């Protein structure tokens, strides 16, 4: 199951830089994860400074 970014995202961009497949991009109000591209590796969740990324 792909990871998802919650509303507590502060749009810092840390997760996007950590994603090994580039599945994370900036949205209008927060970053988003492309579920089809996500490898479920959890690297982004480990890098998020506010804990806004969880397995969906």
PDB file of N, CA and C in Angstrom:
ATOM      1  N   UNK A   1       0.847  -1.170   0.000  1.00  0.00           N
ATOM      2  CA  UNK A   1       0.000   0.000   0.000  1.00  0.00           C
ATOM      3  C   UNK A   1       0.896   1.239   0.000  1.00  0.00           C
ATOM      4  N   UNK A   2       0.589   2.197  -0.830  1.00  0.00           N
ATOM      5  CA  UNK A   2       1.399   3.398  -0.981  1.00  0.00           C
ATOM      6  C   UNK A   2       1.321   4.286   0.260  1.00  0.00           C
ATOM      7  N   UNK A   3       2.342   5.081   0.434  1.00  0.00           N
ATOM      8  CA  UNK A   3       2.359   6.059   1.509  1.00  0.00           C
ATOM      9  C   UNK A   3       1.510   7.262   1.103  1.00  0.00           C
ATOM     10  N   UNK A   4       0.986   7.969   2.077  1.00  0.00           N
ATOM     11  CA  UNK A   4       0.175   9.160   1.829  1.00  0.00           C
ATOM     12  C   UNK A   4       0.660  10.286   2.741  1.00  0.00           C
ATOM     13  N   UNK A   5       0.445  11.501   2.283  1.00  0.00           N
ATOM     14  CA  UNK A   5       0.839  12.678   3.049  1.00  0.00           C
ATOM     15  C   UNK A   5      -0.416  13.312   3.634  1.00  0.00           C
ATOM     16  N   UNK A   6      -0.416  13.509   4.938  1.00  0.00           N
ATOM     17  CA  UNK A   6      -1.595  14.049   5.623  1.00  0.00           C
ATOM     18  C   UNK A   6      -1.634  15.577   5.558  1.00  0.00           C
ATOM     19  N   UNK A   7      -2.710  16.128   6.084  1.00  0.00           N
ATOM     20  CA  UNK A   7      -2.896  17.576   6.113  1.00  0.00           C
ATOM     21  C   UNK A   7      -1.900  18.293   7.021  1.00  0.00           C
ATOM     22  N   UNK A   8      -1.156  17.551   7.824  1.00  0.00           N
ATOM     23  CA  UNK A   8      -0.176  18.197   8.692  1.00  0.00           C
ATOM     24  C   UNK A   8       1.128  18.527   7.954  1.00  0.00           C
ATOM     25  N   UNK A   9       1.178  18.249   6.655  1.00  0.00           N
ATOM     26  CA  UNK A   9       2.332  18.578   5.812  1.00  0.00           C
ATOM     27  C   UNK A   9       2.575  20.090   5.851  1.00  0.00           C
ATOM     28  N   UNK A  10       3.833  20.487   6.036  1.00  0.00           N
ATOM     29  CA  UNK A  10       4.195  21.901   6.071  1.00  0.00           C
ATOM     30  C   UNK A  10       4.872  22.351   4.773  1.00  0.00           C
ATOM     31  N   UNK A  11       4.831  21.497   3.759  1.00  0.00           N
ATOM     32  CA  UNK A  11       5.375  21.794   2.419  1.00  0.00           C
ATOM     33  C   UNK A  11       6.850  22.177   2.438  1.00  0.00           C
ATOM     34  N   UNK A  12       7.638  21.488   3.244  1.00  0.00           N
ATOM     35  CA  UNK A  12       9.068  21.787   3.318  1.00  0.00           C
ATOM     36  C   UNK A  12       9.848  21.181   2.150  1.00  0.00           C
ATOM     37  N   UNK A  13       9.320  20.113   1.547  1.00  0.00           N
ATOM     38  CA  UNK A  13       9.963  19.482   0.397  1.00  0.00           C
ATOM     39  C   UNK A  13      11.004  18.436   0.717  1.00  0.00           C
ATOM     40  N   UNK A  14      11.242  18.184   1.988  1.00  0.00           N
ATOM     41  CA  UNK A  14      12.246  17.197   2.381  1.00  0.00           C
ATOM     42  C   UNK A  14      11.935  15.828   1.794  1.00  0.00           C
ATOM     43  N   UNK A  15      10.701  15.423   1.837  1.00  0.00           N
ATOM     44  CA  UNK A  15      10.302  14.105   1.357  1.00  0.00           C
ATOM     45  C   UNK A  15      10.571  13.931  -0.140  1.00  0.00           C
ATOM     46  N   UNK A  16      10.298  14.972  -0.916  1.00  0.00           N
ATOM     47  CA  UNK A  16      10.480  14.892  -2.368  1.00  0.00           C
ATOM     48  C   UNK A  16      11.939  14.627  -2.725  1.00  0.00           C
ATOM     49  N   UNK A  17      12.838  15.249  -1.994  1.00  0.00           N
ATOM     50  CA  UNK A  17      14.258  15.045  -2.235  1.00  0.00           C
ATOM     51  C   UNK A  17      14.750  13.670  -1.838  1.00  0.00           C
ATOM     52  N   UNK A  18      14.050  13.014  -0.938  1.00  0.00           N
ATOM     53  CA  UNK A  18      14.446  11.692  -0.454  1.00  0.00           C
ATOM     54  C   UNK A  18      13.865  10.539  -1.270  1.00  0.00           C
ATOM     55  N   UNK A  19      12.793  10.762  -2.002  1.00  0.00           N
ATOM     56  CA  UNK A  19      12.126   9.681  -2.745  1.00  0.00           C
ATOM     57  C   UNK A  19      13.026   9.161  -3.863  1.00  0.00           C
ATOM     58  N   UNK A  20      13.353   7.858  -3.843  1.00  0.00           N
ATOM     59  CA  UNK A  20      14.264   7.303  -4.843  1.00  0.00           C
ATOM     60  C   UNK A  20      13.667   7.191  -6.242  1.00  0.00           C
ATOM     61  N   UNK A  21      12.355   7.304  -6.379  1.00  0.00           N
ATOM     62  CA  UNK A  21      11.725   7.178  -7.696  1.00  0.00           C
ATOM     63  C   UNK A  21      10.997   8.448  -8.129  1.00  0.00           C
ATOM     64  N   UNK A  22      11.121   9.518  -7.380  1.00  0.00           N
ATOM     65  CA  UNK A  22      10.492  10.781  -7.755  1.00  0.00           C
ATOM     66  C   UNK A  22       8.978  10.747  -7.734  1.00  0.00           C
ATOM     67  N   UNK A  23       8.404  10.001  -6.807  1.00  0.00           N
ATOM     68  CA  UNK A  23       6.947   9.844  -6.733  1.00  0.00           C
ATOM     69  C   UNK A  23       6.262  10.983  -5.975  1.00  0.00           C
ATOM     70  N   UNK A  24       7.029  11.918  -5.450  1.00  0.00           N
ATOM     71  CA  UNK A  24       6.456  12.999  -4.634  1.00  0.00           C
ATOM     72  C   UNK A  24       6.608  14.328  -5.364  1.00  0.00           C
ATOM     73  N   UNK A  25       5.521  15.069  -5.417  1.00  0.00           N
ATOM     74  CA  UNK A  25       5.547  16.380  -6.065  1.00  0.00           C
ATOM     75  C   UNK A  25       4.758  17.395  -5.243  1.00  0.00           C
ATOM     76  N   UNK A  26       5.032  18.663  -5.498  1.00  0.00           N
ATOM     77  CA  UNK A  26       4.345  19.741  -4.784  1.00  0.00           C
ATOM     78  C   UNK A  26       2.934  19.895  -5.326  1.00  0.00           C
ATOM     79  N   UNK A  27       1.976  19.982  -4.418  1.00  0.00           N
ATOM     80  CA  UNK A  27       0.592  20.242  -4.784  1.00  0.00           C
ATOM     81  C   UNK A  27       0.245  21.682  -4.460  1.00  0.00           C
ATOM     82  N   UNK A  28      -1.021  22.015  -4.530  1.00  0.00           N
ATOM     83  CA  UNK A  28      -1.451  23.384  -4.254  1.00  0.00           C
ATOM     84  C   UNK A  28      -1.229  23.785  -2.799  1.00  0.00           C
ATOM     85  N   UNK A  29      -1.536  22.872  -1.874  1.00  0.00           N
ATOM     86  CA  UNK A  29      -1.422  23.214  -0.451  1.00  0.00           C
ATOM     87  C   UNK A  29      -0.435  22.335   0.307  1.00  0.00           C
ATOM     88  N   UNK A  30      -0.040  21.207  -0.271  1.00  0.00           N
ATOM     89  CA  UNK A  30       0.903  20.295   0.368  1.00  0.00           C
ATOM     90  C   UNK A  30       1.498  19.385  -0.694  1.00  0.00           C
ATOM     91  N   UNK A  31       2.484  18.606  -0.309  1.00  0.00           N
ATOM     92  CA  UNK A  31       3.088  17.653  -1.239  1.00  0.00           C
ATOM     93  C   UNK A  31       2.181  16.438  -1.383  1.00  0.00           C
ATOM     94  N   UNK A  32       2.299  15.746  -2.527  1.00  0.00           N
ATOM     95  CA  UNK A  32       1.475  14.576  -2.826  1.00  0.00           C
ATOM     96  C   UNK A  32       2.355  13.428  -3.292  1.00  0.00           C
ATOM     97  N   UNK A  33       1.904  12.212  -3.024  1.00  0.00           N
ATOM     98  CA  UNK A  33       2.615  11.017  -3.456  1.00  0.00           C
ATOM     99  C   UNK A  33       1.798  10.328  -4.537  1.00  0.00           C
ATOM    100  N   UNK A  34       2.440  10.026  -5.665  1.00  0.00           N
ATOM    101  CA  UNK A  34       1.808   9.278  -6.750  1.00  0.00           C
ATOM    102  C   UNK A  34       1.773   7.808  -6.328  1.00  0.00           C
ATOM    103  N   UNK A  35       0.596   7.305  -6.002  1.00  0.00           N
ATOM    104  CA  UNK A  35       0.447   5.942  -5.481  1.00  0.00           C
ATOM    105  C   UNK A  35       0.924   4.890  -6.476  1.00  0.00           C
ATOM    106  N   UNK A  36       0.811   5.165  -7.765  1.00  0.00           N
ATOM    107  CA  UNK A  36       1.247   4.198  -8.773  1.00  0.00           C
ATOM    108  C   UNK A  36       2.765   4.103  -8.869  1.00  0.00           C
ATOM    109  N   UNK A  37       3.456   5.168  -8.530  1.00  0.00           N
ATOM    110  CA  UNK A  37       4.912   5.186  -8.605  1.00  0.00           C
ATOM    111  C   UNK A  37       5.582   4.828  -7.280  1.00  0.00           C
ATOM    112  N   UNK A  38       4.865   4.966  -6.178  1.00  0.00           N
ATOM    113  CA  UNK A  38       5.414   4.717  -4.843  1.00  0.00           C
ATOM    114  C   UNK A  38       5.862   3.261  -4.699  1.00  0.00           C
ATOM    115  N   UNK A  39       7.080   3.076  -4.178  1.00  0.00           N
ATOM    116  CA  UNK A  39       7.632   1.730  -3.958  1.00  0.00           C
ATOM    117  C   UNK A  39       7.352   1.184  -2.565  1.00  0.00           C
ATOM    118  N   UNK A  40       6.691   1.966  -1.727  1.00  0.00           N
ATOM    119  CA  UNK A  40       6.421   1.577  -0.347  1.00  0.00           C
ATOM    120  C   UNK A  40       7.695   1.352   0.465  1.00  0.00           C
ATOM    121  N   UNK A  41       8.738   2.119   0.155  1.00  0.00           N
ATOM    122  CA  UNK A  41      10.004   1.925   0.858  1.00  0.00           C
ATOM    123  C   UNK A  41      10.035   2.645   2.205  1.00  0.00           C
ATOM    124  N   UNK A  42       9.230   3.708   2.366  1.00  0.00           N
ATOM    125  CA  UNK A  42       9.169   4.423   3.628  1.00  0.00           C
ATOM    126  C   UNK A  42      10.255   5.455   3.839  1.00  0.00           C
ATOM    127  N   UNK A  43      11.113   5.661   2.859  1.00  0.00           N
ATOM    128  CA  UNK A  43      12.181   6.649   3.002  1.00  0.00           C
ATOM    129  C   UNK A  43      11.617   8.031   3.277  1.00  0.00           C
ATOM    130  N   UNK A  44      10.542   8.379   2.605  1.00  0.00           N
ATOM    131  CA  UNK A  44       9.931   9.692   2.781  1.00  0.00           C
ATOM    132  C   UNK A  44       9.391   9.860   4.190  1.00  0.00           C
ATOM    133  N   UNK A  45       8.764   8.832   4.712  1.00  0.00           N
ATOM    134  CA  UNK A  45       8.196   8.899   6.065  1.00  0.00           C
ATOM    135  C   UNK A  45       9.286   9.110   7.101  1.00  0.00           C
ATOM    136  N   UNK A  46      10.412   8.465   6.906  1.00  0.00           N
ATOM    137  CA  UNK A  46      11.531   8.618   7.829  1.00  0.00           C
ATOM    138  C   UNK A  46      12.150   9.991   7.772  1.00  0.00           C
ATOM    139  N   UNK A  47      12.036  10.652   6.632  1.00  0.00           N
ATOM    140  CA  UNK A  47      12.651  11.968   6.441  1.00  0.00           C
ATOM    141  C   UNK A  47      11.733  13.122   6.855  1.00  0.00           C
ATOM    142  N   UNK A  48      10.448  12.881   6.949  1.00  0.00           N
ATOM    143  CA  UNK A  48       9.500  13.959   7.227  1.00  0.00           C
ATOM    144  C   UNK A  48       9.690  14.503   8.647  1.00  0.00           C
ATOM    145  N   UNK A  49       9.995  15.808   8.766  1.00  0.00           N
ATOM    146  CA  UNK A  49      10.261  16.364  10.100  1.00  0.00           C
ATOM    147  C   UNK A  49       9.017  16.532  10.983  1.00  0.00           C
ATOM    148  N   UNK A  50       7.823  16.444  10.382  1.00  0.00           N
ATOM    149  CA  UNK A  50       6.601  16.619  11.184  1.00  0.00           C
ATOM    150  C   UNK A  50       5.757  15.338  11.247  1.00  0.00           C
ATOM    151  N   UNK A  51       6.250  14.247  10.716  1.00  0.00           N
ATOM    152  CA  UNK A  51       5.525  12.973  10.770  1.00  0.00           C
ATOM    153  C   UNK A  51       4.238  12.965   9.972  1.00  0.00           C
ATOM    154  N   UNK A  52       4.212  13.690   8.855  1.00  0.00           N
ATOM    155  CA  UNK A  52       2.979  13.811   8.064  1.00  0.00           C
ATOM    156  C   UNK A  52       2.783  12.695   7.057  1.00  0.00           C
ATOM    157  N   UNK A  53       3.723  11.754   6.972  1.00  0.00           N
ATOM    158  CA  UNK A  53       3.633  10.689   5.970  1.00  0.00           C
ATOM    159  C   UNK A  53       3.445   9.347   6.646  1.00  0.00           C
ATOM    160  N   UNK A  54       2.403   8.643   6.216  1.00  0.00           N
ATOM    161  CA  UNK A  54       2.086   7.326   6.770  1.00  0.00           C
ATOM    162  C   UNK A  54       1.667   6.387   5.659  1.00  0.00           C
ATOM    163  N   UNK A  55       1.731   5.114   5.938  1.00  0.00           N
ATOM    164  CA  UNK A  55       1.286   4.138   4.965  1.00  0.00           C
ATOM    165  C   UNK A  55      -0.238   4.182   4.890  1.00  0.00           C
ATOM    166  N   UNK A  56      -0.741   4.333   3.671  1.00  0.00           N
ATOM    167  CA  UNK A  56      -2.184   4.492   3.479  1.00  0.00           C
ATOM    168  C   UNK A  56      -2.835   3.226   3.296  1.00  0.00           C
TER     169      UNK A  56
END
